[in-house]
Amino acid sequence: MKNICVFAGSSIGINPNHASAARLLGKFIAEKKFNLIYGGAKIGLMGEVASACLKSGGKVIGVIPKFLSNIEVAHDNLTKLITTETMHERKAYMYSDAEMFFILPGGIGTLEEAMEVLTWKQLGLINKNIYLINIDQYWDQLVDQLSNIVKNNFMKPDNINNFIEIKNENELHSIFNEK
């Protein structure tokens, strides 16, 4: 069984389309018989993707550091919940078995996780697809900044292709029709 790692905000945000995309992603993961690996929370977009996957019959593995289990409110209905001591252990577990990565809207933690897997891909430590879910232009400034990094010769132009941008639910659907 293939594992899909999803990074997402612990907040729901203000745009209902982001929550809709999270639920759709969870549903597609379950329908294609993938396992979801994510941050373990029942709140925010993290909770939306996990609950939708579970509702559609999918298997969900949450990974949450002990100190965050109360702050991010650990999801209590998961297939498996792994509690780690540190954020580094959390990420190492999430990354180790993932076949691909999806990045939903989120805050600084989501951004940090996205930058880490993009860095790993650039360095050749992973060779897995990374999908940036850019619904309603949420990540446009990040995409522009990455282009600026290339323009200023701090990243090779080919590395801008280390992620696949998904701009709407139809594009998200087409990714799973290919699998």
N, C-alpha and C. Protein backbone atom coordinates (compact mmCIF):
# COMPACT_ATOMS: atom_id res chain seq x y z
N MET A 1 0.86 -1.18 0.00
CA MET A 1 0.00 0.00 0.00
C MET A 1 0.90 1.23 0.00
N LYS A 2 0.62 2.15 -0.91
CA LYS A 2 1.40 3.38 -1.01
C LYS A 2 0.93 4.40 0.02
N ASN A 3 1.88 5.17 0.51
CA ASN A 3 1.60 6.21 1.49
C ASN A 3 1.74 7.59 0.85
N ILE A 4 0.79 8.45 1.14
CA ILE A 4 0.84 9.83 0.70
C ILE A 4 0.98 10.70 1.94
N CYS A 5 2.01 11.54 1.94
CA CYS A 5 2.23 12.46 3.04
C CYS A 5 1.59 13.81 2.67
N VAL A 6 0.80 14.33 3.60
CA VAL A 6 0.13 15.62 3.38
C VAL A 6 0.55 16.59 4.46
N PHE A 7 0.98 17.77 4.02
CA PHE A 7 1.26 18.89 4.93
C PHE A 7 0.08 19.85 4.83
N ALA A 8 -0.41 20.31 5.96
CA ALA A 8 -1.58 21.20 5.96
C ALA A 8 -1.61 21.99 7.26
N GLY A 9 -2.32 23.09 7.22
CA GLY A 9 -2.44 23.96 8.37
C GLY A 9 -3.23 23.33 9.51
N SER A 10 -2.87 23.74 10.73
CA SER A 10 -3.64 23.33 11.91
C SER A 10 -4.80 24.29 12.15
N SER A 11 -4.94 25.24 11.24
CA SER A 11 -6.08 26.16 11.24
C SER A 11 -6.91 25.87 10.00
N ILE A 12 -8.17 26.21 10.05
CA ILE A 12 -9.05 26.02 8.89
C ILE A 12 -8.87 27.16 7.88
N GLY A 13 -8.34 28.29 8.35
CA GLY A 13 -8.16 29.44 7.47
C GLY A 13 -9.48 30.17 7.23
N ILE A 14 -9.46 31.12 6.31
CA ILE A 14 -10.65 31.93 6.04
C ILE A 14 -11.33 31.59 4.72
N ASN A 15 -10.64 30.83 3.88
CA ASN A 15 -11.17 30.51 2.56
C ASN A 15 -11.79 29.11 2.58
N PRO A 16 -13.12 29.01 2.43
CA PRO A 16 -13.75 27.69 2.47
C PRO A 16 -13.29 26.76 1.34
N ASN A 17 -12.74 27.30 0.28
CA ASN A 17 -12.24 26.45 -0.81
C ASN A 17 -11.03 25.64 -0.40
N HIS A 18 -10.28 26.14 0.58
CA HIS A 18 -9.12 25.38 1.06
C HIS A 18 -9.58 24.14 1.83
N ALA A 19 -10.60 24.29 2.66
CA ALA A 19 -11.14 23.14 3.38
C ALA A 19 -11.77 22.15 2.41
N SER A 20 -12.44 22.65 1.39
CA SER A 20 -13.04 21.78 0.38
C SER A 20 -11.96 20.97 -0.34
N ALA A 21 -10.85 21.63 -0.69
CA ALA A 21 -9.74 20.91 -1.35
C ALA A 21 -9.14 19.86 -0.42
N ALA A 22 -9.03 20.18 0.87
CA ALA A 22 -8.50 19.22 1.84
C ALA A 22 -9.40 17.98 1.92
N ARG A 23 -10.70 18.20 1.98
CA ARG A 23 -11.63 17.07 2.04
C ARG A 23 -11.58 16.25 0.76
N LEU A 24 -11.50 16.92 -0.38
CA LEU A 24 -11.42 16.21 -1.65
C LEU A 24 -10.13 15.38 -1.73
N LEU A 25 -9.03 15.94 -1.27
CA LEU A 25 -7.78 15.20 -1.26
C LEU A 25 -7.90 13.96 -0.39
N GLY A 26 -8.47 14.11 0.79
CA GLY A 26 -8.66 12.96 1.68
C GLY A 26 -9.51 11.87 1.03
N LYS A 27 -10.58 12.30 0.37
CA LYS A 27 -11.47 11.36 -0.32
C LYS A 27 -10.73 10.61 -1.44
N PHE A 28 -9.96 11.35 -2.25
CA PHE A 28 -9.22 10.72 -3.35
C PHE A 28 -8.18 9.73 -2.83
N ILE A 29 -7.50 10.08 -1.74
CA ILE A 29 -6.49 9.18 -1.17
C ILE A 29 -7.14 7.86 -0.78
N ALA A 30 -8.30 7.94 -0.13
CA ALA A 30 -9.01 6.71 0.28
C ALA A 30 -9.50 5.92 -0.93
N GLU A 31 -10.10 6.61 -1.89
CA GLU A 31 -10.65 5.92 -3.06
C GLU A 31 -9.59 5.18 -3.86
N LYS A 32 -8.36 5.71 -3.88
CA LYS A 32 -7.28 5.07 -4.64
C LYS A 32 -6.49 4.08 -3.79
N LYS A 33 -6.99 3.85 -2.57
CA LYS A 33 -6.40 2.85 -1.68
C LYS A 33 -4.98 3.19 -1.24
N PHE A 34 -4.70 4.47 -1.11
CA PHE A 34 -3.45 4.92 -0.52
C PHE A 34 -3.66 5.06 0.98
N ASN A 35 -2.58 5.10 1.74
CA ASN A 35 -2.63 5.47 3.14
C ASN A 35 -2.27 6.95 3.24
N LEU A 36 -2.91 7.66 4.13
CA LEU A 36 -2.58 9.05 4.41
C LEU A 36 -1.66 9.09 5.62
N ILE A 37 -0.54 9.78 5.49
CA ILE A 37 0.34 10.10 6.62
C ILE A 37 0.32 11.61 6.76
N TYR A 38 0.05 12.09 7.96
CA TYR A 38 -0.04 13.54 8.17
C TYR A 38 0.27 13.85 9.62
N GLY A 39 0.12 15.11 10.01
CA GLY A 39 0.54 15.60 11.31
C GLY A 39 -0.26 15.19 12.52
N GLY A 40 -1.33 14.45 12.37
CA GLY A 40 -2.03 13.85 13.49
C GLY A 40 -3.11 14.66 14.17
N ALA A 41 -3.37 15.88 13.73
CA ALA A 41 -4.35 16.73 14.40
C ALA A 41 -5.76 16.50 13.88
N LYS A 42 -6.74 16.80 14.74
CA LYS A 42 -8.14 16.73 14.29
C LYS A 42 -8.68 18.12 13.96
N ILE A 43 -7.85 19.14 14.12
CA ILE A 43 -8.27 20.52 13.85
C ILE A 43 -7.68 21.00 12.52
N GLY A 44 -8.24 22.09 12.02
CA GLY A 44 -7.70 22.74 10.83
C GLY A 44 -7.83 21.91 9.57
N LEU A 45 -7.02 22.30 8.58
CA LEU A 45 -7.02 21.56 7.32
C LEU A 45 -6.47 20.15 7.52
N MET A 46 -5.58 19.99 8.52
CA MET A 46 -5.09 18.63 8.83
C MET A 46 -6.27 17.73 9.20
N GLY A 47 -7.13 18.21 10.06
CA GLY A 47 -8.29 17.42 10.47
C GLY A 47 -9.25 17.17 9.33
N GLU A 48 -9.40 18.16 8.45
CA GLU A 48 -10.31 18.00 7.30
C GLU A 48 -9.85 16.88 6.38
N VAL A 49 -8.57 16.86 6.03
CA VAL A 49 -8.08 15.84 5.11
C VAL A 49 -8.15 14.46 5.75
N ALA A 50 -7.80 14.37 7.04
CA ALA A 50 -7.83 13.07 7.72
C ALA A 50 -9.25 12.54 7.88
N SER A 51 -10.15 13.40 8.33
CA SER A 51 -11.54 12.96 8.54
C SER A 51 -12.19 12.55 7.23
N ALA A 52 -11.92 13.27 6.15
CA ALA A 52 -12.48 12.91 4.85
C ALA A 52 -11.93 11.57 4.37
N CYS A 53 -10.67 11.33 4.60
CA CYS A 53 -10.06 10.06 4.20
C CYS A 53 -10.70 8.91 4.98
N LEU A 54 -10.83 9.10 6.29
CA LEU A 54 -11.46 8.07 7.12
C LEU A 54 -12.91 7.83 6.72
N LYS A 55 -13.64 8.90 6.47
CA LYS A 55 -15.06 8.80 6.09
C LYS A 55 -15.23 8.01 4.79
N SER A 56 -14.21 8.11 3.92
CA SER A 56 -14.26 7.40 2.64
C SER A 56 -13.64 6.01 2.71
N GLY A 57 -13.36 5.54 3.92
CA GLY A 57 -12.85 4.18 4.10
C GLY A 57 -11.35 4.05 4.04
N GLY A 58 -10.63 5.16 4.08
CA GLY A 58 -9.18 5.11 3.99
C GLY A 58 -8.49 4.85 5.31
N LYS A 59 -7.21 4.57 5.22
CA LYS A 59 -6.37 4.36 6.40
C LYS A 59 -5.53 5.62 6.62
N VAL A 60 -5.50 6.07 7.87
CA VAL A 60 -4.83 7.33 8.20
C VAL A 60 -3.86 7.12 9.35
N ILE A 61 -2.61 7.51 9.11
CA ILE A 61 -1.57 7.46 10.13
C ILE A 61 -1.23 8.89 10.51
N GLY A 62 -1.46 9.23 11.76
CA GLY A 62 -1.11 10.54 12.27
C GLY A 62 0.19 10.47 13.04
N VAL A 63 1.01 11.50 12.90
CA VAL A 63 2.29 11.56 13.61
C VAL A 63 2.35 12.91 14.31
N ILE A 64 2.37 12.87 15.64
CA ILE A 64 2.32 14.11 16.40
C ILE A 64 3.31 14.07 17.56
N PRO A 65 4.07 15.15 17.74
CA PRO A 65 4.96 15.19 18.91
C PRO A 65 4.14 15.33 20.19
N LYS A 66 4.65 14.74 21.24
CA LYS A 66 3.95 14.73 22.52
C LYS A 66 3.54 16.15 22.94
N PHE A 67 4.44 17.12 22.78
CA PHE A 67 4.14 18.47 23.24
C PHE A 67 3.05 19.16 22.42
N LEU A 68 2.77 18.66 21.22
CA LEU A 68 1.72 19.26 20.39
C LEU A 68 0.38 18.53 20.50
N SER A 69 0.36 17.40 21.14
CA SER A 69 -0.87 16.61 21.15
C SER A 69 -2.04 17.35 21.80
N ASN A 70 -1.78 18.25 22.72
CA ASN A 70 -2.86 19.06 23.30
C ASN A 70 -3.11 20.33 22.51
N ILE A 71 -2.04 20.96 22.00
CA ILE A 71 -2.17 22.21 21.24
C ILE A 71 -2.90 21.97 19.93
N GLU A 72 -2.43 20.98 19.17
CA GLU A 72 -3.03 20.67 17.87
C GLU A 72 -4.19 19.69 18.01
N VAL A 73 -4.46 19.22 19.17
CA VAL A 73 -5.56 18.32 19.48
C VAL A 73 -5.50 17.08 18.59
N ALA A 74 -4.82 16.07 19.10
CA ALA A 74 -4.63 14.83 18.35
C ALA A 74 -5.98 14.22 17.94
N HIS A 75 -6.02 13.76 16.71
CA HIS A 75 -7.22 13.11 16.17
C HIS A 75 -7.40 11.77 16.88
N ASP A 76 -8.59 11.50 17.36
CA ASP A 76 -8.80 10.29 18.16
C ASP A 76 -9.40 9.12 17.38
N ASN A 77 -9.65 9.26 16.10
CA ASN A 77 -10.27 8.17 15.34
C ASN A 77 -9.38 7.63 14.23
N LEU A 78 -8.09 7.82 14.34
CA LEU A 78 -7.17 7.41 13.28
C LEU A 78 -6.93 5.90 13.27
N THR A 79 -6.49 5.41 12.13
CA THR A 79 -6.07 4.02 12.02
C THR A 79 -4.89 3.77 12.96
N LYS A 80 -3.99 4.76 12.99
CA LYS A 80 -2.82 4.65 13.86
C LYS A 80 -2.36 6.06 14.21
N LEU A 81 -2.05 6.31 15.47
CA LEU A 81 -1.49 7.58 15.92
C LEU A 81 -0.14 7.30 16.55
N ILE A 82 0.87 7.93 16.00
CA ILE A 82 2.23 7.78 16.50
C ILE A 82 2.61 9.06 17.23
N THR A 83 3.06 8.93 18.46
CA THR A 83 3.50 10.08 19.23
C THR A 83 5.02 10.07 19.29
N THR A 84 5.62 11.19 18.90
CA THR A 84 7.08 11.31 18.89
C THR A 84 7.52 12.28 19.99
N GLU A 85 8.79 12.30 20.25
CA GLU A 85 9.34 13.23 21.23
C GLU A 85 9.60 14.60 20.61
N THR A 86 10.02 14.64 19.34
CA THR A 86 10.43 15.90 18.72
C THR A 86 9.78 16.10 17.35
N MET A 87 9.85 17.32 16.87
CA MET A 87 9.39 17.64 15.52
C MET A 87 10.25 16.91 14.48
N HIS A 88 11.53 16.79 14.74
CA HIS A 88 12.42 16.10 13.79
C HIS A 88 12.02 14.63 13.63
N GLU A 89 11.68 13.99 14.75
CA GLU A 89 11.22 12.60 14.68
C GLU A 89 9.91 12.52 13.91
N ARG A 90 9.03 13.48 14.14
CA ARG A 90 7.74 13.50 13.43
C ARG A 90 7.97 13.54 11.93
N LYS A 91 8.79 14.51 11.50
CA LYS A 91 9.01 14.67 10.07
C LYS A 91 9.75 13.47 9.48
N ALA A 92 10.72 12.95 10.19
CA ALA A 92 11.46 11.79 9.68
C ALA A 92 10.51 10.62 9.44
N TYR A 93 9.59 10.40 10.36
CA TYR A 93 8.63 9.31 10.18
C TYR A 93 7.70 9.60 9.00
N MET A 94 7.20 10.81 8.92
CA MET A 94 6.28 11.16 7.84
C MET A 94 6.94 11.03 6.47
N TYR A 95 8.19 11.44 6.37
CA TYR A 95 8.89 11.43 5.08
C TYR A 95 9.34 10.04 4.68
N SER A 96 9.68 9.19 5.66
CA SER A 96 10.39 7.94 5.36
C SER A 96 9.60 6.99 4.48
N ASP A 97 8.31 6.90 4.67
CA ASP A 97 7.53 5.93 3.92
C ASP A 97 6.64 6.55 2.85
N ALA A 98 6.77 7.85 2.63
CA ALA A 98 5.89 8.52 1.69
C ALA A 98 6.30 8.27 0.24
N GLU A 99 5.31 8.00 -0.58
CA GLU A 99 5.53 7.83 -2.02
C GLU A 99 5.45 9.16 -2.75
N MET A 100 4.69 10.09 -2.15
CA MET A 100 4.52 11.42 -2.73
C MET A 100 4.07 12.36 -1.63
N PHE A 101 4.15 13.66 -1.92
CA PHE A 101 3.83 14.69 -0.95
C PHE A 101 2.82 15.67 -1.53
N PHE A 102 1.86 16.07 -0.71
CA PHE A 102 0.90 17.11 -1.08
C PHE A 102 0.98 18.22 -0.04
N ILE A 103 1.02 19.45 -0.51
CA ILE A 103 1.12 20.61 0.37
C ILE A 103 -0.13 21.45 0.21
N LEU A 104 -0.98 21.39 1.23
CA LEU A 104 -2.19 22.21 1.28
C LEU A 104 -1.83 23.57 1.87
N PRO A 105 -2.73 24.55 1.80
CA PRO A 105 -2.47 25.83 2.48
C PRO A 105 -2.22 25.59 3.97
N GLY A 106 -1.42 26.45 4.53
CA GLY A 106 -1.09 26.35 5.94
C GLY A 106 -0.20 27.50 6.35
N GLY A 107 0.29 27.43 7.55
CA GLY A 107 1.12 28.49 8.11
C GLY A 107 2.60 28.18 8.00
N ILE A 108 3.35 28.72 8.93
CA ILE A 108 4.80 28.63 8.89
C ILE A 108 5.28 27.18 9.03
N GLY A 109 4.57 26.35 9.78
CA GLY A 109 4.96 24.94 9.91
C GLY A 109 4.80 24.20 8.59
N THR A 110 3.70 24.47 7.91
CA THR A 110 3.47 23.85 6.59
C THR A 110 4.52 24.33 5.60
N LEU A 111 4.83 25.61 5.65
CA LEU A 111 5.85 26.18 4.77
C LEU A 111 7.21 25.54 5.04
N GLU A 112 7.53 25.35 6.30
CA GLU A 112 8.81 24.75 6.67
C GLU A 112 8.90 23.32 6.16
N GLU A 113 7.83 22.54 6.30
CA GLU A 113 7.82 21.17 5.81
C GLU A 113 7.95 21.14 4.29
N ALA A 114 7.27 22.06 3.62
CA ALA A 114 7.35 22.14 2.16
C ALA A 114 8.77 22.46 1.71
N MET A 115 9.39 23.42 2.38
CA MET A 115 10.75 23.80 1.99
C MET A 115 11.74 22.66 2.24
N GLU A 116 11.51 21.91 3.31
CA GLU A 116 12.41 20.80 3.59
C GLU A 116 12.33 19.72 2.51
N VAL A 117 11.13 19.31 2.11
CA VAL A 117 11.06 18.26 1.08
C VAL A 117 11.53 18.79 -0.28
N LEU A 118 11.29 20.07 -0.55
CA LEU A 118 11.81 20.65 -1.79
C LEU A 118 13.35 20.68 -1.77
N THR A 119 13.91 20.98 -0.62
CA THR A 119 15.37 20.96 -0.48
C THR A 119 15.90 19.55 -0.66
N TRP A 120 15.24 18.59 -0.03
CA TRP A 120 15.68 17.20 -0.17
C TRP A 120 15.63 16.75 -1.62
N LYS A 121 14.58 17.17 -2.32
CA LYS A 121 14.48 16.79 -3.74
C LYS A 121 15.59 17.45 -4.55
N GLN A 122 15.85 18.72 -4.27
CA GLN A 122 16.92 19.43 -4.96
C GLN A 122 18.27 18.76 -4.73
N LEU A 123 18.50 18.26 -3.54
CA LEU A 123 19.77 17.62 -3.20
C LEU A 123 19.83 16.15 -3.62
N GLY A 124 18.72 15.62 -4.14
CA GLY A 124 18.68 14.23 -4.59
C GLY A 124 18.47 13.23 -3.46
N LEU A 125 18.05 13.70 -2.28
CA LEU A 125 17.79 12.80 -1.15
C LEU A 125 16.46 12.07 -1.31
N ILE A 126 15.54 12.66 -2.04
CA ILE A 126 14.29 12.00 -2.40
C ILE A 126 14.04 12.23 -3.89
N ASN A 127 13.33 11.31 -4.49
CA ASN A 127 12.93 11.46 -5.89
C ASN A 127 11.45 11.10 -5.97
N LYS A 128 10.63 11.94 -5.35
CA LYS A 128 9.20 11.69 -5.26
C LYS A 128 8.46 12.94 -5.70
N ASN A 129 7.25 12.74 -6.21
CA ASN A 129 6.45 13.89 -6.64
C ASN A 129 6.01 14.72 -5.44
N ILE A 130 6.08 16.03 -5.63
CA ILE A 130 5.64 17.00 -4.63
C ILE A 130 4.59 17.87 -5.31
N TYR A 131 3.38 17.88 -4.74
CA TYR A 131 2.27 18.64 -5.31
C TYR A 131 1.94 19.81 -4.40
N LEU A 132 1.99 21.00 -4.96
CA LEU A 132 1.66 22.22 -4.24
C LEU A 132 0.22 22.60 -4.59
N ILE A 133 -0.68 22.45 -3.63
CA ILE A 133 -2.10 22.74 -3.88
C ILE A 133 -2.32 24.24 -3.70
N ASN A 134 -2.40 24.93 -4.81
CA ASN A 134 -2.43 26.39 -4.86
C ASN A 134 -3.84 26.89 -5.21
N ILE A 135 -4.82 26.44 -4.45
CA ILE A 135 -6.21 26.83 -4.68
C ILE A 135 -6.38 28.32 -4.36
N ASP A 136 -7.03 29.04 -5.26
CA ASP A 136 -7.29 30.48 -5.09
C ASP A 136 -6.01 31.26 -4.84
N GLN A 137 -4.94 30.87 -5.49
CA GLN A 137 -3.66 31.57 -5.49
C GLN A 137 -2.99 31.66 -4.11
N TYR A 138 -3.31 30.75 -3.20
CA TYR A 138 -2.75 30.82 -1.86
C TYR A 138 -1.21 30.84 -1.87
N TRP A 139 -0.60 30.02 -2.70
CA TRP A 139 0.87 29.89 -2.71
C TRP A 139 1.52 30.73 -3.82
N ASP A 140 0.80 31.61 -4.48
CA ASP A 140 1.38 32.39 -5.58
C ASP A 140 2.66 33.14 -5.19
N GLN A 141 2.66 33.76 -4.02
CA GLN A 141 3.85 34.52 -3.61
C GLN A 141 5.04 33.59 -3.38
N LEU A 142 4.79 32.38 -2.90
CA LEU A 142 5.87 31.41 -2.75
C LEU A 142 6.42 31.01 -4.11
N VAL A 143 5.54 30.73 -5.05
CA VAL A 143 5.97 30.36 -6.40
C VAL A 143 6.78 31.51 -7.02
N ASP A 144 6.30 32.75 -6.82
CA ASP A 144 7.04 33.92 -7.31
C ASP A 144 8.41 34.02 -6.65
N GLN A 145 8.48 33.77 -5.34
CA GLN A 145 9.75 33.84 -4.64
C GLN A 145 10.72 32.78 -5.14
N LEU A 146 10.23 31.58 -5.39
CA LEU A 146 11.10 30.54 -5.93
C LEU A 146 11.64 30.94 -7.30
N SER A 147 10.80 31.57 -8.12
CA SER A 147 11.26 32.08 -9.42
C SER A 147 12.30 33.17 -9.23
N ASN A 148 12.12 34.01 -8.22
CA ASN A 148 13.08 35.07 -7.92
C ASN A 148 14.43 34.47 -7.47
N ILE A 149 14.37 33.37 -6.72
CA ILE A 149 15.59 32.70 -6.29
C ILE A 149 16.36 32.19 -7.51
N VAL A 150 15.64 31.63 -8.49
CA VAL A 150 16.27 31.18 -9.73
C VAL A 150 16.84 32.38 -10.49
N LYS A 151 16.05 33.42 -10.61
CA LYS A 151 16.46 34.64 -11.33
C LYS A 151 17.75 35.22 -10.76
N ASN A 152 17.91 35.11 -9.44
CA ASN A 152 19.09 35.65 -8.79
C ASN A 152 20.21 34.62 -8.64
N ASN A 153 20.05 33.49 -9.32
CA ASN A 153 21.08 32.47 -9.42
C ASN A 153 21.43 31.81 -8.08
N PHE A 154 20.44 31.68 -7.20
CA PHE A 154 20.63 30.93 -5.96
C PHE A 154 20.04 29.52 -6.05
N MET A 155 19.42 29.22 -7.17
CA MET A 155 18.88 27.89 -7.42
C MET A 155 18.93 27.67 -8.92
N LYS A 156 19.26 26.46 -9.31
CA LYS A 156 19.31 26.13 -10.72
C LYS A 156 17.90 26.16 -11.31
N PRO A 157 17.74 26.64 -12.54
CA PRO A 157 16.41 26.73 -13.15
C PRO A 157 15.62 25.43 -13.16
N ASP A 158 16.29 24.29 -13.32
CA ASP A 158 15.58 23.00 -13.33
C ASP A 158 14.87 22.71 -12.01
N ASN A 159 15.36 23.25 -10.92
CA ASN A 159 14.79 22.96 -9.61
C ASN A 159 13.42 23.61 -9.40
N ILE A 160 13.07 24.56 -10.24
CA ILE A 160 11.72 25.14 -10.14
C ILE A 160 10.68 24.09 -10.53
N ASN A 161 11.13 23.04 -11.21
CA ASN A 161 10.24 21.96 -11.62
C ASN A 161 10.17 20.82 -10.61
N ASN A 162 10.67 21.04 -9.40
CA ASN A 162 10.66 20.00 -8.38
C ASN A 162 9.30 19.82 -7.72
N PHE A 163 8.36 20.65 -8.09
CA PHE A 163 6.99 20.49 -7.58
C PHE A 163 6.02 20.69 -8.74
N ILE A 164 4.83 20.14 -8.54
CA ILE A 164 3.76 20.27 -9.53
C ILE A 164 2.68 21.11 -8.86
N GLU A 165 2.35 22.20 -9.50
CA GLU A 165 1.35 23.12 -8.94
C GLU A 165 -0.05 22.67 -9.35
N ILE A 166 -0.93 22.58 -8.37
CA ILE A 166 -2.33 22.23 -8.60
C ILE A 166 -3.16 23.47 -8.26
N LYS A 167 -3.86 24.00 -9.27
CA LYS A 167 -4.56 25.28 -9.07
C LYS A 167 -6.05 25.15 -8.83
N ASN A 168 -6.61 23.96 -9.05
CA ASN A 168 -8.05 23.81 -8.82
C ASN A 168 -8.37 22.33 -8.58
N GLU A 169 -9.62 22.10 -8.21
CA GLU A 169 -10.03 20.74 -7.88
C GLU A 169 -10.00 19.81 -9.08
N ASN A 170 -10.22 20.33 -10.29
CA ASN A 170 -10.14 19.48 -11.49
C ASN A 170 -8.72 18.96 -11.69
N GLU A 171 -7.72 19.81 -11.46
CA GLU A 171 -6.33 19.37 -11.58
C GLU A 171 -6.00 18.33 -10.50
N LEU A 172 -6.53 18.52 -9.30
CA LEU A 172 -6.34 17.56 -8.23
C LEU A 172 -6.95 16.22 -8.62
N HIS A 173 -8.14 16.27 -9.17
CA HIS A 173 -8.82 15.05 -9.62
C HIS A 173 -8.00 14.34 -10.68
N SER A 174 -7.43 15.08 -11.62
CA SER A 174 -6.67 14.46 -12.71
C SER A 174 -5.40 13.77 -12.20
N ILE A 175 -4.80 14.28 -11.14
CA ILE A 175 -3.62 13.63 -10.55
C ILE A 175 -4.00 12.21 -10.11
N PHE A 176 -5.14 12.07 -9.48
CA PHE A 176 -5.54 10.76 -8.96
C PHE A 176 -6.11 9.85 -10.05
N ASN A 177 -6.54 10.40 -11.15
CA ASN A 177 -6.99 9.56 -12.26
C ASN A 177 -5.80 8.92 -12.96
N GLU A 178 -4.60 9.54 -12.80
CA GLU A 178 -3.38 8.98 -13.40
C GLU A 178 -2.85 7.82 -12.58
N LYS A 179 -3.16 7.77 -11.29
CA LYS A 179 -2.56 6.77 -10.38
C LYS A 179 -3.24 5.43 -10.53
